Amino acid sequence: MEIKLVSNIEYCIEQRGFKKKYVADRLGVSVVVLSRWINNHSKPSLENAFRLSVILDCTVDDLFKVE
């Protein structure tokens, strides 16, 4: 069974009222890397997913939806 994860990161960023550059800087990644996560071109490492959830005050589950 294949599980397809779709990024919900942009929605979570918008809900907190943050700019992508601010979030990328806090994570220590470039805006390009963050955009790749948002656009489903790549996925963050497990560590970065947890760090992102702390910054956005959400769960890792909130960052993705399953299709």
N, C-alpha and C. Protein backbone atom coordinates (compact mmCIF):
# COMPACT_ATOMS: atom_id res chain seq x y z
N MET A 1 0.84 -1.17 0.00
CA MET A 1 0.00 0.00 0.00
C MET A 1 0.89 1.24 0.00
N GLU A 2 0.64 2.12 -0.95
CA GLU A 2 1.42 3.34 -1.04
C GLU A 2 0.65 4.50 -0.40
N ILE A 3 1.37 5.25 0.42
CA ILE A 3 0.78 6.42 1.07
C ILE A 3 1.37 7.66 0.43
N LYS A 4 0.52 8.55 -0.01
CA LYS A 4 0.98 9.80 -0.61
C LYS A 4 0.77 10.92 0.38
N LEU A 5 1.88 11.53 0.81
CA LEU A 5 1.82 12.67 1.72
C LEU A 5 1.83 13.96 0.91
N VAL A 6 0.90 14.83 1.19
CA VAL A 6 0.81 16.12 0.53
C VAL A 6 1.10 17.20 1.58
N SER A 7 1.96 18.11 1.22
CA SER A 7 2.36 19.16 2.15
C SER A 7 1.21 20.07 2.53
N ASN A 8 1.12 20.35 3.81
CA ASN A 8 0.18 21.30 4.37
C ASN A 8 0.96 22.42 5.07
N ILE A 9 2.26 22.48 4.76
CA ILE A 9 3.17 23.38 5.44
C ILE A 9 2.80 24.85 5.19
N GLU A 10 2.50 25.18 3.94
CA GLU A 10 2.17 26.58 3.63
C GLU A 10 0.95 27.03 4.42
N TYR A 11 -0.06 26.18 4.52
CA TYR A 11 -1.25 26.51 5.29
C TYR A 11 -0.89 26.77 6.76
N CYS A 12 -0.04 25.91 7.32
CA CYS A 12 0.37 26.07 8.72
C CYS A 12 1.15 27.37 8.93
N ILE A 13 2.00 27.72 7.96
CA ILE A 13 2.75 28.97 8.04
C ILE A 13 1.79 30.16 8.01
N GLU A 14 0.84 30.11 7.09
CA GLU A 14 -0.14 31.21 6.97
C GLU A 14 -0.99 31.34 8.23
N GLN A 15 -1.36 30.21 8.83
CA GLN A 15 -2.18 30.25 10.04
C GLN A 15 -1.46 30.95 11.19
N ARG A 16 -0.15 30.85 11.23
CA ARG A 16 0.64 31.51 12.28
C ARG A 16 0.96 32.95 11.92
N GLY A 17 0.72 33.34 10.67
CA GLY A 17 1.01 34.70 10.24
C GLY A 17 2.48 34.96 9.98
N PHE A 18 3.24 33.89 9.74
CA PHE A 18 4.67 34.02 9.50
C PHE A 18 4.96 34.17 8.01
N LYS A 19 6.10 34.74 7.71
CA LYS A 19 6.63 34.80 6.34
C LYS A 19 7.50 33.57 6.14
N LYS A 20 7.56 33.10 4.91
CA LYS A 20 8.37 31.92 4.60
C LYS A 20 9.83 32.15 4.94
N LYS A 21 10.33 33.35 4.67
CA LYS A 21 11.74 33.66 4.97
C LYS A 21 12.02 33.53 6.46
N TYR A 22 11.10 34.00 7.29
CA TYR A 22 11.27 33.90 8.73
C TYR A 22 11.36 32.43 9.16
N VAL A 23 10.46 31.62 8.64
CA VAL A 23 10.44 30.20 9.00
C VAL A 23 11.72 29.51 8.51
N ALA A 24 12.11 29.79 7.28
CA ALA A 24 13.33 29.19 6.73
C ALA A 24 14.54 29.58 7.57
N ASP A 25 14.64 30.85 7.94
CA ASP A 25 15.76 31.31 8.76
C ASP A 25 15.77 30.62 10.11
N ARG A 26 14.62 30.47 10.73
CA ARG A 26 14.54 29.79 12.04
C ARG A 26 14.97 28.33 11.93
N LEU A 27 14.67 27.70 10.78
CA LEU A 27 15.04 26.30 10.57
C LEU A 27 16.49 26.14 10.14
N GLY A 28 17.08 27.23 9.64
CA GLY A 28 18.44 27.14 9.13
C GLY A 28 18.50 26.53 7.73
N VAL A 29 17.42 26.72 6.96
CA VAL A 29 17.39 26.26 5.58
C VAL A 29 17.09 27.46 4.69
N SER A 30 17.30 27.30 3.39
CA SER A 30 17.00 28.39 2.47
C SER A 30 15.50 28.42 2.17
N VAL A 31 15.04 29.53 1.66
CA VAL A 31 13.65 29.66 1.25
C VAL A 31 13.37 28.68 0.11
N VAL A 32 14.37 28.43 -0.73
CA VAL A 32 14.20 27.47 -1.84
C VAL A 32 13.91 26.08 -1.29
N VAL A 33 14.64 25.66 -0.27
CA VAL A 33 14.40 24.34 0.34
C VAL A 33 13.00 24.29 0.93
N LEU A 34 12.62 25.32 1.67
CA LEU A 34 11.28 25.36 2.25
C LEU A 34 10.22 25.31 1.15
N SER A 35 10.43 26.02 0.07
CA SER A 35 9.49 26.01 -1.05
C SER A 35 9.39 24.62 -1.68
N ARG A 36 10.49 23.90 -1.73
CA ARG A 36 10.46 22.53 -2.26
C ARG A 36 9.59 21.64 -1.37
N TRP A 37 9.66 21.84 -0.07
CA TRP A 37 8.79 21.07 0.85
C TRP A 37 7.33 21.45 0.63
N ILE A 38 7.07 22.76 0.50
CA ILE A 38 5.71 23.25 0.32
C ILE A 38 5.10 22.72 -0.97
N ASN A 39 5.91 22.66 -2.04
CA ASN A 39 5.42 22.25 -3.35
C ASN A 39 5.55 20.76 -3.64
N ASN A 40 5.84 19.97 -2.60
CA ASN A 40 5.93 18.51 -2.71
C ASN A 40 7.03 18.02 -3.64
N HIS A 41 8.09 18.82 -3.80
CA HIS A 41 9.22 18.37 -4.61
C HIS A 41 10.20 17.57 -3.75
N SER A 42 10.13 17.76 -2.46
CA SER A 42 10.93 16.98 -1.51
C SER A 42 10.23 17.05 -0.16
N LYS A 43 10.71 16.27 0.78
CA LYS A 43 10.15 16.25 2.13
C LYS A 43 11.25 16.61 3.12
N PRO A 44 10.88 17.28 4.21
CA PRO A 44 11.89 17.59 5.23
C PRO A 44 12.33 16.30 5.94
N SER A 45 13.52 16.33 6.47
CA SER A 45 13.96 15.21 7.30
C SER A 45 13.04 15.12 8.51
N LEU A 46 13.05 14.02 9.19
CA LEU A 46 12.22 13.86 10.38
C LEU A 46 12.57 14.92 11.42
N GLU A 47 13.86 15.18 11.58
CA GLU A 47 14.30 16.20 12.53
C GLU A 47 13.75 17.58 12.14
N ASN A 48 13.85 17.93 10.86
CA ASN A 48 13.34 19.23 10.42
C ASN A 48 11.82 19.30 10.50
N ALA A 49 11.14 18.20 10.29
CA ALA A 49 9.68 18.19 10.43
C ALA A 49 9.30 18.50 11.88
N PHE A 50 10.01 17.91 12.83
CA PHE A 50 9.72 18.18 14.24
C PHE A 50 10.09 19.61 14.61
N ARG A 51 11.22 20.11 14.10
CA ARG A 51 11.61 21.49 14.37
C ARG A 51 10.58 22.46 13.79
N LEU A 52 10.09 22.15 12.59
CA LEU A 52 9.07 22.98 11.95
C LEU A 52 7.78 22.98 12.76
N SER A 53 7.42 21.83 13.29
CA SER A 53 6.19 21.76 14.10
C SER A 53 6.32 22.59 15.38
N VAL A 54 7.50 22.66 15.94
CA VAL A 54 7.71 23.49 17.14
C VAL A 54 7.59 24.97 16.76
N ILE A 55 8.23 25.36 15.67
CA ILE A 55 8.19 26.76 15.23
C ILE A 55 6.75 27.19 14.94
N LEU A 56 5.99 26.29 14.30
CA LEU A 56 4.62 26.62 13.89
C LEU A 56 3.58 26.27 14.95
N ASP A 57 4.04 25.74 16.08
CA ASP A 57 3.13 25.37 17.18
C ASP A 57 2.01 24.46 16.68
N CYS A 58 2.42 23.38 16.00
CA CYS A 58 1.47 22.40 15.50
C CYS A 58 2.11 21.02 15.65
N THR A 59 1.41 19.99 15.23
CA THR A 59 1.98 18.66 15.26
C THR A 59 2.59 18.35 13.89
N VAL A 60 3.45 17.35 13.85
CA VAL A 60 4.01 16.91 12.58
C VAL A 60 2.88 16.44 11.67
N ASP A 61 1.87 15.80 12.25
CA ASP A 61 0.70 15.37 11.47
C ASP A 61 0.01 16.53 10.78
N ASP A 62 0.02 17.71 11.40
CA ASP A 62 -0.62 18.88 10.81
C ASP A 62 0.12 19.36 9.55
N LEU A 63 1.40 19.03 9.44
CA LEU A 63 2.21 19.52 8.33
C LEU A 63 1.92 18.80 7.01
N PHE A 64 1.29 17.64 7.09
CA PHE A 64 1.01 16.83 5.90
C PHE A 64 -0.39 16.26 5.96
N LYS A 65 -0.95 16.01 4.78
CA LYS A 65 -2.21 15.27 4.73
C LYS A 65 -1.99 14.06 3.84
N VAL A 66 -2.71 13.01 4.11
CA VAL A 66 -2.57 11.76 3.36
C VAL A 66 -3.64 11.73 2.28
N GLU A 67 -3.20 11.41 1.08
CA GLU A 67 -4.15 11.26 -0.04
C GLU A 67 -4.14 9.85 -0.52
